[in-house]
Amino acid sequence: MYDLKKFQKEIIENKKKHGFNTTNIEMEFCLAYGELGEAYIAYLKKQEDVGEELADAAIYILGISELLGIDLGEEIEKKIEKNKQRVYKKNNKGVLVKEDELNGKK
């Protein structure tokens, strides 16, 4: 598995090296959102650069994680394990939701 913490540090060092933002977290979230939008448009248009656009979005997310002091790899591992334990059922509209949300819990 790739060392996401290493990538996080490399991404921030590259941003600093090139003079990109490393302080305005709100802007970084907006830019990440924009990159995900670009990936979606590339997908809709059946363009070949969908993977590159997804990589751009992931790079922003990894950078944000580093700026916030979050080990994203660790968080992903914990979330995967949490999701494995969840039970999903269809609601009255046929959409899968967490079982506890059907019972009014969150």
N, C-alpha and C. Protein backbone atom coordinates (compact mmCIF):
# COMPACT_ATOMS: atom_id res chain seq x y z
N MET A 1 0.84 -1.18 0.00
CA MET A 1 0.00 0.00 0.00
C MET A 1 0.89 1.25 0.00
N TYR A 2 0.42 2.28 -0.63
CA TYR A 2 1.16 3.52 -0.68
C TYR A 2 1.11 4.22 0.67
N ASP A 3 2.17 4.94 0.97
CA ASP A 3 2.26 5.70 2.22
C ASP A 3 1.63 7.07 1.99
N LEU A 4 0.36 7.20 2.34
CA LEU A 4 -0.35 8.45 2.08
C LEU A 4 0.23 9.60 2.88
N LYS A 5 0.74 9.32 4.09
CA LYS A 5 1.34 10.38 4.91
C LYS A 5 2.55 10.96 4.19
N LYS A 6 3.32 10.11 3.53
CA LYS A 6 4.48 10.57 2.75
C LYS A 6 3.99 11.46 1.60
N PHE A 7 2.95 11.02 0.90
CA PHE A 7 2.39 11.82 -0.18
C PHE A 7 1.90 13.17 0.33
N GLN A 8 1.23 13.16 1.49
CA GLN A 8 0.73 14.40 2.07
C GLN A 8 1.87 15.40 2.25
N LYS A 9 2.97 14.95 2.82
CA LYS A 9 4.12 15.83 3.05
C LYS A 9 4.72 16.31 1.73
N GLU A 10 4.83 15.42 0.75
CA GLU A 10 5.38 15.79 -0.56
C GLU A 10 4.50 16.83 -1.24
N ILE A 11 3.20 16.68 -1.13
CA ILE A 11 2.27 17.62 -1.75
C ILE A 11 2.45 19.01 -1.16
N ILE A 12 2.55 19.11 0.15
CA ILE A 12 2.72 20.42 0.80
C ILE A 12 4.08 21.02 0.44
N GLU A 13 5.11 20.20 0.43
CA GLU A 13 6.44 20.72 0.05
C GLU A 13 6.42 21.25 -1.38
N ASN A 14 5.75 20.56 -2.29
CA ASN A 14 5.65 21.02 -3.67
C ASN A 14 4.87 22.33 -3.76
N LYS A 15 3.78 22.44 -2.98
CA LYS A 15 3.00 23.68 -2.97
C LYS A 15 3.87 24.84 -2.49
N LYS A 16 4.63 24.61 -1.42
CA LYS A 16 5.50 25.66 -0.88
C LYS A 16 6.58 26.03 -1.89
N LYS A 17 7.17 25.02 -2.52
CA LYS A 17 8.24 25.24 -3.50
C LYS A 17 7.78 26.14 -4.65
N HIS A 18 6.53 25.96 -5.07
CA HIS A 18 6.00 26.71 -6.21
C HIS A 18 5.20 27.95 -5.81
N GLY A 19 5.09 28.20 -4.50
CA GLY A 19 4.42 29.41 -4.04
C GLY A 19 2.90 29.32 -4.00
N PHE A 20 2.37 28.08 -3.97
CA PHE A 20 0.92 27.92 -3.89
C PHE A 20 0.43 28.09 -2.45
N ASN A 21 -0.85 28.27 -2.29
CA ASN A 21 -1.49 28.45 -0.99
C ASN A 21 -1.23 27.26 -0.06
N THR A 22 -0.87 27.56 1.18
CA THR A 22 -0.79 26.52 2.20
C THR A 22 -1.40 27.01 3.51
N THR A 23 -2.17 28.09 3.45
CA THR A 23 -2.75 28.63 4.68
C THR A 23 -4.27 28.78 4.63
N ASN A 24 -4.83 28.98 3.46
CA ASN A 24 -6.27 29.21 3.34
C ASN A 24 -6.97 27.88 3.08
N ILE A 25 -7.39 27.23 4.16
CA ILE A 25 -8.02 25.91 4.06
C ILE A 25 -9.32 25.99 3.27
N GLU A 26 -10.09 27.04 3.49
CA GLU A 26 -11.36 27.18 2.77
C GLU A 26 -11.15 27.18 1.27
N MET A 27 -10.13 27.89 0.81
CA MET A 27 -9.82 27.93 -0.61
C MET A 27 -9.42 26.54 -1.11
N GLU A 28 -8.65 25.81 -0.32
CA GLU A 28 -8.23 24.47 -0.72
C GLU A 28 -9.43 23.54 -0.88
N PHE A 29 -10.42 23.65 0.02
CA PHE A 29 -11.64 22.85 -0.13
C PHE A 29 -12.35 23.21 -1.43
N CYS A 30 -12.44 24.49 -1.74
CA CYS A 30 -13.10 24.93 -2.98
C CYS A 30 -12.36 24.41 -4.20
N LEU A 31 -11.05 24.46 -4.17
CA LEU A 31 -10.26 23.97 -5.30
C LEU A 31 -10.40 22.46 -5.46
N ALA A 32 -10.46 21.73 -4.35
CA ALA A 32 -10.65 20.28 -4.41
C ALA A 32 -12.01 19.96 -5.04
N TYR A 33 -13.02 20.70 -4.62
CA TYR A 33 -14.36 20.53 -5.17
C TYR A 33 -14.35 20.80 -6.68
N GLY A 34 -13.64 21.84 -7.09
CA GLY A 34 -13.54 22.17 -8.51
C GLY A 34 -12.87 21.06 -9.31
N GLU A 35 -11.83 20.47 -8.74
CA GLU A 35 -11.13 19.38 -9.43
C GLU A 35 -12.03 18.16 -9.57
N LEU A 36 -12.83 17.88 -8.55
CA LEU A 36 -13.76 16.76 -8.64
C LEU A 36 -14.81 17.03 -9.72
N GLY A 37 -15.22 18.28 -9.81
CA GLY A 37 -16.15 18.68 -10.87
C GLY A 37 -15.54 18.48 -12.25
N GLU A 38 -14.27 18.82 -12.39
CA GLU A 38 -13.58 18.63 -13.67
C GLU A 38 -13.51 17.14 -14.01
N ALA A 39 -13.29 16.30 -13.01
CA ALA A 39 -13.24 14.86 -13.26
C ALA A 39 -14.60 14.36 -13.73
N TYR A 40 -15.65 14.88 -13.13
CA TYR A 40 -17.00 14.47 -13.52
C TYR A 40 -17.31 14.89 -14.96
N ILE A 41 -16.94 16.11 -15.31
CA ILE A 41 -17.17 16.58 -16.68
C ILE A 41 -16.38 15.73 -17.67
N ALA A 42 -15.13 15.41 -17.33
CA ALA A 42 -14.31 14.56 -18.20
C ALA A 42 -14.96 13.19 -18.37
N TYR A 43 -15.52 12.67 -17.27
CA TYR A 43 -16.22 11.38 -17.33
C TYR A 43 -17.44 11.47 -18.25
N LEU A 44 -18.24 12.51 -18.06
CA LEU A 44 -19.44 12.68 -18.88
C LEU A 44 -19.11 12.79 -20.37
N LYS A 45 -18.01 13.47 -20.65
CA LYS A 45 -17.61 13.68 -22.05
C LYS A 45 -16.77 12.53 -22.59
N LYS A 46 -16.58 11.50 -21.75
CA LYS A 46 -15.80 10.32 -22.13
C LYS A 46 -14.38 10.70 -22.57
N GLN A 47 -13.80 11.66 -21.86
CA GLN A 47 -12.44 12.08 -22.15
C GLN A 47 -11.44 11.13 -21.49
N GLU A 48 -10.25 11.11 -22.03
CA GLU A 48 -9.23 10.19 -21.54
C GLU A 48 -8.56 10.64 -20.24
N ASP A 49 -8.77 11.89 -19.83
CA ASP A 49 -8.05 12.41 -18.68
C ASP A 49 -8.83 12.32 -17.36
N VAL A 50 -9.82 11.44 -17.28
CA VAL A 50 -10.59 11.29 -16.05
C VAL A 50 -9.67 10.92 -14.89
N GLY A 51 -8.77 9.99 -15.13
CA GLY A 51 -7.83 9.57 -14.07
C GLY A 51 -6.97 10.71 -13.58
N GLU A 52 -6.49 11.52 -14.50
CA GLU A 52 -5.66 12.67 -14.11
C GLU A 52 -6.46 13.67 -13.30
N GLU A 53 -7.71 13.89 -13.69
CA GLU A 53 -8.56 14.82 -12.94
C GLU A 53 -8.87 14.28 -11.54
N LEU A 54 -9.11 12.97 -11.45
CA LEU A 54 -9.32 12.37 -10.13
C LEU A 54 -8.06 12.49 -9.27
N ALA A 55 -6.90 12.32 -9.91
CA ALA A 55 -5.64 12.48 -9.18
C ALA A 55 -5.51 13.91 -8.65
N ASP A 56 -5.89 14.89 -9.45
CA ASP A 56 -5.85 16.28 -8.98
C ASP A 56 -6.70 16.46 -7.73
N ALA A 57 -7.93 15.90 -7.76
CA ALA A 57 -8.81 16.01 -6.61
C ALA A 57 -8.20 15.33 -5.39
N ALA A 58 -7.63 14.15 -5.59
CA ALA A 58 -7.00 13.41 -4.49
C ALA A 58 -5.81 14.18 -3.93
N ILE A 59 -5.04 14.82 -4.79
CA ILE A 59 -3.89 15.61 -4.33
C ILE A 59 -4.35 16.76 -3.45
N TYR A 60 -5.43 17.42 -3.85
CA TYR A 60 -5.96 18.49 -2.99
C TYR A 60 -6.41 17.94 -1.64
N ILE A 61 -7.10 16.81 -1.65
CA ILE A 61 -7.59 16.23 -0.41
C ILE A 61 -6.43 15.80 0.49
N LEU A 62 -5.41 15.21 -0.09
CA LEU A 62 -4.23 14.84 0.70
C LEU A 62 -3.54 16.09 1.26
N GLY A 63 -3.47 17.14 0.47
CA GLY A 63 -2.86 18.38 0.95
C GLY A 63 -3.65 18.99 2.09
N ILE A 64 -4.96 19.01 1.96
CA ILE A 64 -5.81 19.53 3.03
C ILE A 64 -5.59 18.71 4.29
N SER A 65 -5.52 17.41 4.15
CA SER A 65 -5.30 16.53 5.31
C SER A 65 -4.00 16.88 6.01
N GLU A 66 -2.97 17.11 5.24
CA GLU A 66 -1.67 17.47 5.84
C GLU A 66 -1.75 18.81 6.55
N LEU A 67 -2.38 19.77 5.91
CA LEU A 67 -2.51 21.10 6.53
C LEU A 67 -3.29 21.04 7.83
N LEU A 68 -4.24 20.10 7.93
CA LEU A 68 -5.05 19.96 9.13
C LEU A 68 -4.45 18.98 10.15
N GLY A 69 -3.31 18.38 9.80
CA GLY A 69 -2.67 17.44 10.72
C GLY A 69 -3.39 16.11 10.81
N ILE A 70 -4.04 15.70 9.74
CA ILE A 70 -4.78 14.44 9.70
C ILE A 70 -4.01 13.43 8.87
N ASP A 71 -3.80 12.23 9.43
CA ASP A 71 -3.19 11.14 8.69
C ASP A 71 -4.31 10.47 7.91
N LEU A 72 -4.46 10.83 6.64
CA LEU A 72 -5.59 10.37 5.86
C LEU A 72 -5.56 8.86 5.66
N GLY A 73 -4.40 8.29 5.49
CA GLY A 73 -4.31 6.83 5.34
C GLY A 73 -4.89 6.12 6.55
N GLU A 74 -4.56 6.60 7.73
CA GLU A 74 -5.08 6.03 8.97
C GLU A 74 -6.60 6.20 9.05
N GLU A 75 -7.07 7.38 8.69
CA GLU A 75 -8.52 7.64 8.71
C GLU A 75 -9.27 6.76 7.72
N ILE A 76 -8.68 6.54 6.55
CA ILE A 76 -9.32 5.69 5.54
C ILE A 76 -9.41 4.26 6.06
N GLU A 77 -8.33 3.76 6.66
CA GLU A 77 -8.35 2.40 7.21
C GLU A 77 -9.43 2.25 8.27
N LYS A 78 -9.55 3.23 9.17
CA LYS A 78 -10.57 3.17 10.22
C LYS A 78 -11.98 3.21 9.61
N LYS A 79 -12.16 4.04 8.61
CA LYS A 79 -13.48 4.18 7.98
C LYS A 79 -13.88 2.92 7.23
N ILE A 80 -12.92 2.29 6.55
CA ILE A 80 -13.21 1.04 5.85
C ILE A 80 -13.69 -0.02 6.83
N GLU A 81 -13.00 -0.13 7.97
CA GLU A 81 -13.41 -1.11 8.99
C GLU A 81 -14.78 -0.78 9.55
N LYS A 82 -15.05 0.49 9.78
CA LYS A 82 -16.36 0.92 10.28
C LYS A 82 -17.46 0.56 9.28
N ASN A 83 -17.20 0.82 8.00
CA ASN A 83 -18.19 0.54 6.96
C ASN A 83 -18.47 -0.96 6.82
N LYS A 84 -17.46 -1.79 7.07
CA LYS A 84 -17.65 -3.24 6.99
C LYS A 84 -18.66 -3.72 8.02
N GLN A 85 -18.75 -3.03 9.14
CA GLN A 85 -19.63 -3.44 10.22
C GLN A 85 -21.05 -2.91 10.06
N ARG A 86 -21.25 -1.97 9.20
CA ARG A 86 -22.57 -1.35 9.03
C ARG A 86 -23.53 -2.28 8.31
N VAL A 87 -24.80 -2.10 8.66
CA VAL A 87 -25.88 -2.83 7.99
C VAL A 87 -26.69 -1.81 7.20
N TYR A 88 -26.91 -2.10 5.93
CA TYR A 88 -27.66 -1.19 5.06
C TYR A 88 -28.97 -1.86 4.63
N LYS A 89 -30.00 -1.06 4.58
CA LYS A 89 -31.30 -1.54 4.12
C LYS A 89 -31.91 -0.46 3.23
N LYS A 90 -32.82 -0.89 2.39
CA LYS A 90 -33.50 0.07 1.52
C LYS A 90 -34.60 0.79 2.29
N ASN A 91 -34.66 2.11 2.06
CA ASN A 91 -35.74 2.89 2.67
C ASN A 91 -36.99 2.77 1.80
N ASN A 92 -38.03 3.53 2.12
CA ASN A 92 -39.29 3.42 1.38
C ASN A 92 -39.19 3.91 -0.07
N LYS A 93 -38.06 4.55 -0.42
CA LYS A 93 -37.84 4.99 -1.80
C LYS A 93 -36.91 4.04 -2.55
N GLY A 94 -36.51 2.95 -1.86
CA GLY A 94 -35.64 1.98 -2.50
C GLY A 94 -34.16 2.34 -2.47
N VAL A 95 -33.80 3.35 -1.66
CA VAL A 95 -32.41 3.80 -1.57
C VAL A 95 -31.76 3.14 -0.36
N LEU A 96 -30.56 2.61 -0.55
CA LEU A 96 -29.84 2.01 0.57
C LEU A 96 -29.40 3.08 1.56
N VAL A 97 -29.73 2.85 2.83
CA VAL A 97 -29.31 3.74 3.90
C VAL A 97 -28.84 2.88 5.07
N LYS A 98 -28.08 3.49 5.97
CA LYS A 98 -27.65 2.77 7.16
C LYS A 98 -28.88 2.37 7.97
N GLU A 99 -28.88 1.17 8.47
CA GLU A 99 -30.04 0.64 9.20
C GLU A 99 -30.44 1.54 10.36
N ASP A 100 -29.46 2.08 11.09
CA ASP A 100 -29.80 2.92 12.25
C ASP A 100 -30.49 4.22 11.82
N GLU A 101 -30.27 4.69 10.59
CA GLU A 101 -30.95 5.89 10.11
C GLU A 101 -32.43 5.60 9.81
N LEU A 102 -32.74 4.35 9.47
CA LEU A 102 -34.13 3.98 9.26
C LEU A 102 -34.91 4.05 10.57
N ASN A 103 -34.20 3.84 11.67
CA ASN A 103 -34.83 3.84 12.98
C ASN A 103 -34.76 5.21 13.67
N GLY A 104 -34.35 6.24 12.92
CA GLY A 104 -34.30 7.59 13.47
C GLY A 104 -33.05 7.91 14.26
N LYS A 105 -32.05 7.07 14.21
CA LYS A 105 -30.77 7.31 14.91
C LYS A 105 -29.73 7.78 13.91
N LYS A 106 -28.71 8.43 14.40
CA LYS A 106 -27.60 8.84 13.53
C LYS A 106 -26.28 8.44 14.08
